[in-house]
Amino acid sequence: MEGFTKDFWISVVLQFVYAYIWLILPLLGLIYWWRKRKNFLKGKLTPSKEGTAVSLTSVLKNSYREALGLPLVEITVDTDNSTLSITKISTDDFSDLSHYNTMYDSNKQYDFSPTIEGKAEAFADINLVITKAEVVYRDAFGHSWVEKGNEAHVVEKLSAKADADGNWRAESSVLDTLGTNEYTVQASSVDEAGNKYAEPQATTFYMPLEPITVAPTDHL
């Protein structure tokens, strides 16, 4: 058209390009995300143990590639958290607390703060609940009962963070042996993608007991 210079038309084209980049592409990205969101909820994407959580950024990148006619980048959703175990419960002085009859010498000082170790998904958050077992009384007639105040009860809650190899550990406070030396620790985990381990793991352990000293018999 007469009266419009070359620079004018270049300016119009550039403005259109800018509008496409800053307005149309984000809009396409939102439309793409909305459509794929339904697929996410319906579970149409294949779960992958090595997948990563889907982010809006990754979806927008695909929308740009789709708008430009480029191949789409595969997006995987991590829905798996299948690793959680308690591998060891110990103290500085006792390497294994899985045995009921572990004894200690009352003339020495010991560490009675158990360290709990285990395996999980890399960088998973670990939650531990330590419960003291109920104290059961029995008589000579085969009756058994639990007195008030001696029911099973939670004594401590701990948390830990798994490292890159999935190893984690947590140390509790001092645990006593009044009434019973039996404890249970229950572990649960949530991985980086927010997946919870299906069934919390529970392990029973026993704090060391002081040997019963019998007074010598007077034979005189």
C-alpha atoms as a PDB file:
ATOM      1  CA  MET A   1       0.000   0.000   0.000  1.00  0.00           C
ATOM      2  CA  GLU A   2       1.245   3.476  -0.889  1.00  0.00           C
ATOM      3  CA  GLY A   3       2.448   5.498   2.060  1.00  0.00           C
ATOM      4  CA  PHE A   4       3.693   2.566   4.108  1.00  0.00           C
ATOM      5  CA  THR A   5       7.439   2.139   4.189  1.00  0.00           C
ATOM      6  CA  LYS A   6       9.416  -1.083   4.311  1.00  0.00           C
ATOM      7  CA  ASP A   7      10.373  -0.403   7.915  1.00  0.00           C
ATOM      8  CA  PHE A   8       6.696  -0.120   8.800  1.00  0.00           C
ATOM      9  CA  TRP A   9       5.911  -3.586   7.449  1.00  0.00           C
ATOM     10  CA  ILE A  10       8.955  -5.055   9.195  1.00  0.00           C
ATOM     11  CA  SER A  11       7.691  -3.544  12.430  1.00  0.00           C
ATOM     12  CA  VAL A  12       4.231  -5.080  11.880  1.00  0.00           C
ATOM     13  CA  VAL A  13       5.720  -8.516  11.248  1.00  0.00           C
ATOM     14  CA  LEU A  14       7.939  -8.301  14.335  1.00  0.00           C
ATOM     15  CA  GLN A  15       4.990  -7.272  16.492  1.00  0.00           C
ATOM     16  CA  PHE A  16       3.044 -10.262  15.196  1.00  0.00           C
ATOM     17  CA  VAL A  17       5.962 -12.571  16.010  1.00  0.00           C
ATOM     18  CA  TYR A  18       6.251 -11.108  19.507  1.00  0.00           C
ATOM     19  CA  ALA A  19       2.512 -11.519  20.044  1.00  0.00           C
ATOM     20  CA  TYR A  20       2.773 -15.158  18.888  1.00  0.00           C
ATOM     21  CA  ILE A  21       5.616 -15.868  21.263  1.00  0.00           C
ATOM     22  CA  TRP A  22       4.263 -14.095  24.326  1.00  0.00           C
ATOM     23  CA  LEU A  23       0.503 -14.555  23.922  1.00  0.00           C
ATOM     24  CA  ILE A  24      -0.396 -17.396  21.598  1.00  0.00           C
ATOM     25  CA  LEU A  25       2.242 -19.948  22.682  1.00  0.00           C
ATOM     26  CA  PRO A  26       1.429 -19.656  26.425  1.00  0.00           C
ATOM     27  CA  LEU A  27      -2.243 -20.014  25.556  1.00  0.00           C
ATOM     28  CA  LEU A  28      -1.491 -23.159  23.552  1.00  0.00           C
ATOM     29  CA  GLY A  29       0.571 -24.388  26.486  1.00  0.00           C
ATOM     30  CA  LEU A  30      -2.329 -23.968  28.886  1.00  0.00           C
ATOM     31  CA  ILE A  31      -4.693 -25.736  26.499  1.00  0.00           C
ATOM     32  CA  TYR A  32      -2.197 -28.598  26.118  1.00  0.00           C
ATOM     33  CA  TRP A  33      -1.727 -28.845  29.885  1.00  0.00           C
ATOM     34  CA  TRP A  34      -5.493 -28.891  30.468  1.00  0.00           C
ATOM     35  CA  ARG A  35      -5.957 -31.712  27.969  1.00  0.00           C
ATOM     36  CA  LYS A  36      -3.069 -33.757  29.371  1.00  0.00           C
ATOM     37  CA  ARG A  37      -4.196 -33.102  32.957  1.00  0.00           C
ATOM     38  CA  LYS A  38      -7.214 -35.304  32.307  1.00  0.00           C
ATOM     39  CA  ASN A  39      -4.925 -38.048  31.060  1.00  0.00           C
ATOM     40  CA  PHE A  40      -2.807 -37.758  34.192  1.00  0.00           C
ATOM     41  CA  LEU A  41      -5.892 -38.190  36.378  1.00  0.00           C
ATOM     42  CA  LYS A  42      -7.105 -41.143  34.308  1.00  0.00           C
ATOM     43  CA  GLY A  43      -3.707 -42.839  34.574  1.00  0.00           C
ATOM     44  CA  LYS A  44      -3.115 -42.903  30.812  1.00  0.00           C
ATOM     45  CA  LEU A  45       0.580 -42.122  31.141  1.00  0.00           C
ATOM     46  CA  THR A  46       2.806 -45.121  31.753  1.00  0.00           C
ATOM     47  CA  PRO A  47       4.339 -45.148  35.271  1.00  0.00           C
ATOM     48  CA  SER A  48       8.115 -45.358  35.387  1.00  0.00           C
ATOM     49  CA  LYS A  49      10.341 -46.194  38.360  1.00  0.00           C
ATOM     50  CA  GLU A  50      12.887 -43.773  36.959  1.00  0.00           C
ATOM     51  CA  GLY A  51      10.319 -41.158  35.966  1.00  0.00           C
ATOM     52  CA  THR A  52      10.053 -37.690  37.349  1.00  0.00           C
ATOM     53  CA  ALA A  53       7.124 -35.676  38.594  1.00  0.00           C
ATOM     54  CA  VAL A  54       5.308 -33.864  35.799  1.00  0.00           C
ATOM     55  CA  SER A  55       5.701 -30.098  36.042  1.00  0.00           C
ATOM     56  CA  LEU A  56       3.907 -27.302  34.225  1.00  0.00           C
ATOM     57  CA  THR A  57       7.257 -26.268  32.743  1.00  0.00           C
ATOM     58  CA  SER A  58       7.797 -29.642  31.075  1.00  0.00           C
ATOM     59  CA  VAL A  59       4.252 -29.614  29.685  1.00  0.00           C
ATOM     60  CA  LEU A  60       4.677 -26.081  28.283  1.00  0.00           C
ATOM     61  CA  LYS A  61       7.912 -27.140  26.589  1.00  0.00           C
ATOM     62  CA  ASN A  62       5.994 -29.895  24.825  1.00  0.00           C
ATOM     63  CA  SER A  63       3.280 -27.462  23.810  1.00  0.00           C
ATOM     64  CA  TYR A  64       5.889 -25.243  22.138  1.00  0.00           C
ATOM     65  CA  ARG A  65       7.405 -28.233  20.346  1.00  0.00           C
ATOM     66  CA  GLU A  66       3.944 -29.338  19.222  1.00  0.00           C
ATOM     67  CA  ALA A  67       3.112 -25.832  17.956  1.00  0.00           C
ATOM     68  CA  LEU A  68       6.366 -25.744  15.979  1.00  0.00           C
ATOM     69  CA  GLY A  69       5.838 -29.239  14.583  1.00  0.00           C
ATOM     70  CA  LEU A  70       8.786 -30.733  16.494  1.00  0.00           C
ATOM     71  CA  PRO A  71       8.794 -34.238  18.053  1.00  0.00           C
ATOM     72  CA  LEU A  72       7.385 -34.278  21.577  1.00  0.00           C
ATOM     73  CA  VAL A  73       9.566 -35.134  24.547  1.00  0.00           C
ATOM     74  CA  GLU A  74       8.323 -38.157  26.506  1.00  0.00           C
ATOM     75  CA  ILE A  75       7.014 -37.210  29.942  1.00  0.00           C
ATOM     76  CA  THR A  76       6.915 -39.930  32.584  1.00  0.00           C
ATOM     77  CA  VAL A  77       5.151 -39.903  35.921  1.00  0.00           C
ATOM     78  CA  ASP A  78       6.772 -41.443  38.992  1.00  0.00           C
ATOM     79  CA  THR A  79       4.038 -43.340  40.835  1.00  0.00           C
ATOM     80  CA  ASP A  80       6.264 -45.945  42.442  1.00  0.00           C
ATOM     81  CA  ASN A  81       7.594 -46.092  46.006  1.00  0.00           C
ATOM     82  CA  SER A  82       8.442 -49.722  46.612  1.00  0.00           C
ATOM     83  CA  THR A  83      11.566 -49.541  48.764  1.00  0.00           C
ATOM     84  CA  LEU A  84      11.431 -49.270  52.541  1.00  0.00           C
ATOM     85  CA  SER A  85      13.017 -51.438  55.193  1.00  0.00           C
ATOM     86  CA  ILE A  86      14.552 -51.324  58.665  1.00  0.00           C
ATOM     87  CA  THR A  87      17.905 -53.050  58.409  1.00  0.00           C
ATOM     88  CA  LYS A  88      19.466 -52.514  61.829  1.00  0.00           C
ATOM     89  CA  ILE A  89      18.658 -51.334  65.354  1.00  0.00           C
ATOM     90  CA  SER A  90      21.644 -50.911  67.646  1.00  0.00           C
ATOM     91  CA  THR A  91      23.454 -48.725  70.157  1.00  0.00           C
ATOM     92  CA  ASP A  92      27.113 -47.841  70.535  1.00  0.00           C
ATOM     93  CA  ASP A  93      27.510 -50.801  72.901  1.00  0.00           C
ATOM     94  CA  PHE A  94      25.054 -53.344  71.491  1.00  0.00           C
ATOM     95  CA  SER A  95      25.206 -54.129  67.773  1.00  0.00           C
ATOM     96  CA  ASP A  96      21.896 -56.006  67.573  1.00  0.00           C
ATOM     97  CA  LEU A  97      18.776 -55.327  69.650  1.00  0.00           C
ATOM     98  CA  SER A  98      16.618 -57.988  68.020  1.00  0.00           C
ATOM     99  CA  HIS A  99      17.186 -60.447  70.875  1.00  0.00           C
ATOM    100  CA  TYR A 100      15.102 -60.412  74.044  1.00  0.00           C
ATOM    101  CA  ASN A 101      17.754 -61.609  76.484  1.00  0.00           C
ATOM    102  CA  THR A 102      20.566 -59.127  75.835  1.00  0.00           C
ATOM    103  CA  MET A 103      22.165 -58.393  79.223  1.00  0.00           C
ATOM    104  CA  TYR A 104      24.504 -55.677  80.425  1.00  0.00           C
ATOM    105  CA  ASP A 105      26.884 -55.169  83.323  1.00  0.00           C
ATOM    106  CA  SER A 106      25.368 -52.753  85.841  1.00  0.00           C
ATOM    107  CA  ASN A 107      28.855 -51.685  86.926  1.00  0.00           C
ATOM    108  CA  LYS A 108      29.525 -50.018  83.555  1.00  0.00           C
ATOM    109  CA  GLN A 109      28.066 -47.057  81.678  1.00  0.00           C
ATOM    110  CA  TYR A 110      26.234 -47.835  78.431  1.00  0.00           C
ATOM    111  CA  ASP A 111      24.487 -46.061  75.598  1.00  0.00           C
ATOM    112  CA  PHE A 112      20.753 -46.787  75.750  1.00  0.00           C
ATOM    113  CA  SER A 113      19.733 -44.565  72.823  1.00  0.00           C
ATOM    114  CA  PRO A 114      19.008 -46.909  69.887  1.00  0.00           C
ATOM    115  CA  THR A 115      20.042 -45.962  66.364  1.00  0.00           C
ATOM    116  CA  ILE A 116      17.618 -47.144  63.695  1.00  0.00           C
ATOM    117  CA  GLU A 117      18.913 -47.666  60.156  1.00  0.00           C
ATOM    118  CA  GLY A 118      17.276 -48.698  56.904  1.00  0.00           C
ATOM    119  CA  LYS A 119      16.825 -48.393  53.148  1.00  0.00           C
ATOM    120  CA  ALA A 120      14.314 -46.373  51.122  1.00  0.00           C
ATOM    121  CA  GLU A 121      13.903 -44.532  47.833  1.00  0.00           C
ATOM    122  CA  ALA A 122      16.651 -41.975  47.232  1.00  0.00           C
ATOM    123  CA  PHE A 123      15.983 -38.707  49.126  1.00  0.00           C
ATOM    124  CA  ALA A 124      12.723 -40.032  50.593  1.00  0.00           C
ATOM    125  CA  ASP A 125      11.375 -38.598  53.855  1.00  0.00           C
ATOM    126  CA  ILE A 126      11.212 -41.240  56.593  1.00  0.00           C
ATOM    127  CA  ASN A 127       8.860 -41.112  59.584  1.00  0.00           C
ATOM    128  CA  LEU A 128       9.349 -43.396  62.579  1.00  0.00           C
ATOM    129  CA  VAL A 129       7.016 -44.157  65.478  1.00  0.00           C
ATOM    130  CA  ILE A 130       8.434 -46.009  68.502  1.00  0.00           C
ATOM    131  CA  THR A 131       5.883 -47.811  70.672  1.00  0.00           C
ATOM    132  CA  LYS A 132       6.495 -49.508  74.011  1.00  0.00           C
ATOM    133  CA  ALA A 133       4.745 -52.878  74.311  1.00  0.00           C
ATOM    134  CA  GLU A 134       2.010 -53.519  76.836  1.00  0.00           C
ATOM    135  CA  VAL A 135       2.916 -55.208  80.118  1.00  0.00           C
ATOM    136  CA  VAL A 136       0.977 -58.456  80.467  1.00  0.00           C
ATOM    137  CA  TYR A 137       0.531 -60.001  83.914  1.00  0.00           C
ATOM    138  CA  ARG A 138      -0.234 -63.705  84.362  1.00  0.00           C
ATOM    139  CA  ASP A 139      -1.168 -65.806  87.379  1.00  0.00           C
ATOM    140  CA  ALA A 140      -0.761 -69.493  88.203  1.00  0.00           C
ATOM    141  CA  PHE A 141      -4.265 -70.237  86.897  1.00  0.00           C
ATOM    142  CA  GLY A 142      -3.549 -69.172  83.341  1.00  0.00           C
ATOM    143  CA  HIS A 143      -5.241 -65.789  83.609  1.00  0.00           C
ATOM    144  CA  SER A 144      -3.629 -62.761  82.015  1.00  0.00           C
ATOM    145  CA  TRP A 145      -4.383 -59.058  82.124  1.00  0.00           C
ATOM    146  CA  VAL A 146      -2.971 -55.606  81.434  1.00  0.00           C
ATOM    147  CA  GLU A 147      -3.178 -53.084  84.241  1.00  0.00           C
ATOM    148  CA  LYS A 148      -4.133 -49.489  83.602  1.00  0.00           C
ATOM    149  CA  GLY A 149      -1.096 -47.440  82.689  1.00  0.00           C
ATOM    150  CA  ASN A 150       0.716 -50.454  81.238  1.00  0.00           C
ATOM    151  CA  GLU A 151      -0.995 -50.458  77.839  1.00  0.00           C
ATOM    152  CA  ALA A 152       1.058 -50.170  74.659  1.00  0.00           C
ATOM    153  CA  HIS A 153       1.825 -46.515  74.014  1.00  0.00           C
ATOM    154  CA  VAL A 154       3.875 -44.303  71.700  1.00  0.00           C
ATOM    155  CA  VAL A 155       7.045 -43.030  73.362  1.00  0.00           C
ATOM    156  CA  GLU A 156       8.706 -41.148  70.505  1.00  0.00           C
ATOM    157  CA  LYS A 157       8.334 -39.985  66.900  1.00  0.00           C
ATOM    158  CA  LEU A 158      11.391 -39.459  64.705  1.00  0.00           C
ATOM    159  CA  SER A 159      12.129 -38.368  61.162  1.00  0.00           C
ATOM    160  CA  ALA A 160      15.026 -38.951  58.784  1.00  0.00           C
ATOM    161  CA  LYS A 161      16.065 -38.218  55.201  1.00  0.00           C
ATOM    162  CA  ALA A 162      17.395 -40.892  52.867  1.00  0.00           C
ATOM    163  CA  ASP A 163      20.598 -40.074  51.013  1.00  0.00           C
ATOM    164  CA  ALA A 164      21.301 -40.545  47.292  1.00  0.00           C
ATOM    165  CA  ASP A 165      21.810 -44.281  47.852  1.00  0.00           C
ATOM    166  CA  GLY A 166      18.606 -44.628  49.864  1.00  0.00           C
ATOM    167  CA  ASN A 167      20.351 -45.091  53.225  1.00  0.00           C
ATOM    168  CA  TRP A 168      18.812 -43.438  56.293  1.00  0.00           C
ATOM    169  CA  ARG A 169      19.313 -43.448  60.053  1.00  0.00           C
ATOM    170  CA  ALA A 170      17.779 -41.857  63.127  1.00  0.00           C
ATOM    171  CA  GLU A 171      18.691 -41.934  66.814  1.00  0.00           C
ATOM    172  CA  SER A 172      16.097 -42.069  69.556  1.00  0.00           C
ATOM    173  CA  SER A 173      16.300 -40.803  73.096  1.00  0.00           C
ATOM    174  CA  VAL A 174      17.128 -43.108  76.033  1.00  0.00           C
ATOM    175  CA  LEU A 175      14.572 -45.945  76.295  1.00  0.00           C
ATOM    176  CA  ASP A 176      13.910 -47.613  79.651  1.00  0.00           C
ATOM    177  CA  THR A 177      13.082 -51.197  80.612  1.00  0.00           C
ATOM    178  CA  LEU A 178      10.488 -50.481  83.307  1.00  0.00           C
ATOM    179  CA  GLY A 179       7.742 -53.111  83.079  1.00  0.00           C
ATOM    180  CA  THR A 180       9.003 -54.418  79.748  1.00  0.00           C
ATOM    181  CA  ASN A 181      12.021 -54.049  77.496  1.00  0.00           C
ATOM    182  CA  GLU A 182      10.029 -54.698  74.315  1.00  0.00           C
ATOM    183  CA  TYR A 183       9.530 -51.934  71.755  1.00  0.00           C
ATOM    184  CA  THR A 184       8.229 -51.671  68.196  1.00  0.00           C
ATOM    185  CA  VAL A 185       9.349 -49.142  65.611  1.00  0.00           C
ATOM    186  CA  GLN A 186       7.123 -48.460  62.615  1.00  0.00           C
ATOM    187  CA  ALA A 187       8.563 -46.794  59.526  1.00  0.00           C
ATOM    188  CA  SER A 188       6.740 -45.008  56.709  1.00  0.00           C
ATOM    189  CA  SER A 189       8.108 -42.994  53.807  1.00  0.00           C
ATOM    190  CA  VAL A 190       7.218 -40.439  51.142  1.00  0.00           C
ATOM    191  CA  ASP A 191       9.476 -40.170  48.096  1.00  0.00           C
ATOM    192  CA  GLU A 192      10.419 -36.996  46.215  1.00  0.00           C
ATOM    193  CA  ALA A 193       7.419 -37.326  43.889  1.00  0.00           C
ATOM    194  CA  GLY A 194       5.030 -37.511  46.849  1.00  0.00           C
ATOM    195  CA  ASN A 195       4.354 -41.256  46.638  1.00  0.00           C
ATOM    196  CA  LYS A 196       3.733 -42.985  49.970  1.00  0.00           C
ATOM    197  CA  TYR A 197       5.003 -46.464  50.724  1.00  0.00           C
ATOM    198  CA  ALA A 198       1.961 -48.754  50.671  1.00  0.00           C
ATOM    199  CA  GLU A 199       2.394 -50.551  54.017  1.00  0.00           C
ATOM    200  CA  PRO A 200       4.421 -49.138  56.929  1.00  0.00           C
ATOM    201  CA  GLN A 201       7.196 -51.457  58.092  1.00  0.00           C
ATOM    202  CA  ALA A 202       7.219 -52.544  61.765  1.00  0.00           C
ATOM    203  CA  THR A 203      10.114 -54.144  63.617  1.00  0.00           C
ATOM    204  CA  THR A 204      10.262 -55.329  67.229  1.00  0.00           C
ATOM    205  CA  PHE A 205      13.394 -54.774  69.292  1.00  0.00           C
ATOM    206  CA  TYR A 206      14.414 -55.193  72.922  1.00  0.00           C
ATOM    207  CA  MET A 207      16.429 -52.924  75.165  1.00  0.00           C
ATOM    208  CA  PRO A 208      19.206 -54.669  77.133  1.00  0.00           C
ATOM    209  CA  LEU A 209      18.282 -55.934  80.601  1.00  0.00           C
ATOM    210  CA  GLU A 210      20.300 -55.748  83.773  1.00  0.00           C
ATOM    211  CA  PRO A 211      21.173 -59.263  85.034  1.00  0.00           C
ATOM    212  CA  ILE A 212      19.271 -60.393  88.122  1.00  0.00           C
ATOM    213  CA  THR A 213      21.732 -60.744  90.964  1.00  0.00           C
ATOM    214  CA  VAL A 214      20.831 -63.397  93.539  1.00  0.00           C
ATOM    215  CA  ALA A 215      22.121 -62.754  97.033  1.00  0.00           C
ATOM    216  CA  PRO A 216      24.536 -65.478  98.279  1.00  0.00           C
ATOM    217  CA  THR A 217      23.050 -68.097 100.618  1.00  0.00           C
ATOM    218  CA  ASP A 218      24.324 -68.113 104.170  1.00  0.00           C
ATOM    219  CA  HIS A 219      25.342 -71.730 104.929  1.00  0.00           C
ATOM    220  CA  LEU A 220      26.439 -71.036 108.464  1.00  0.00           C
END
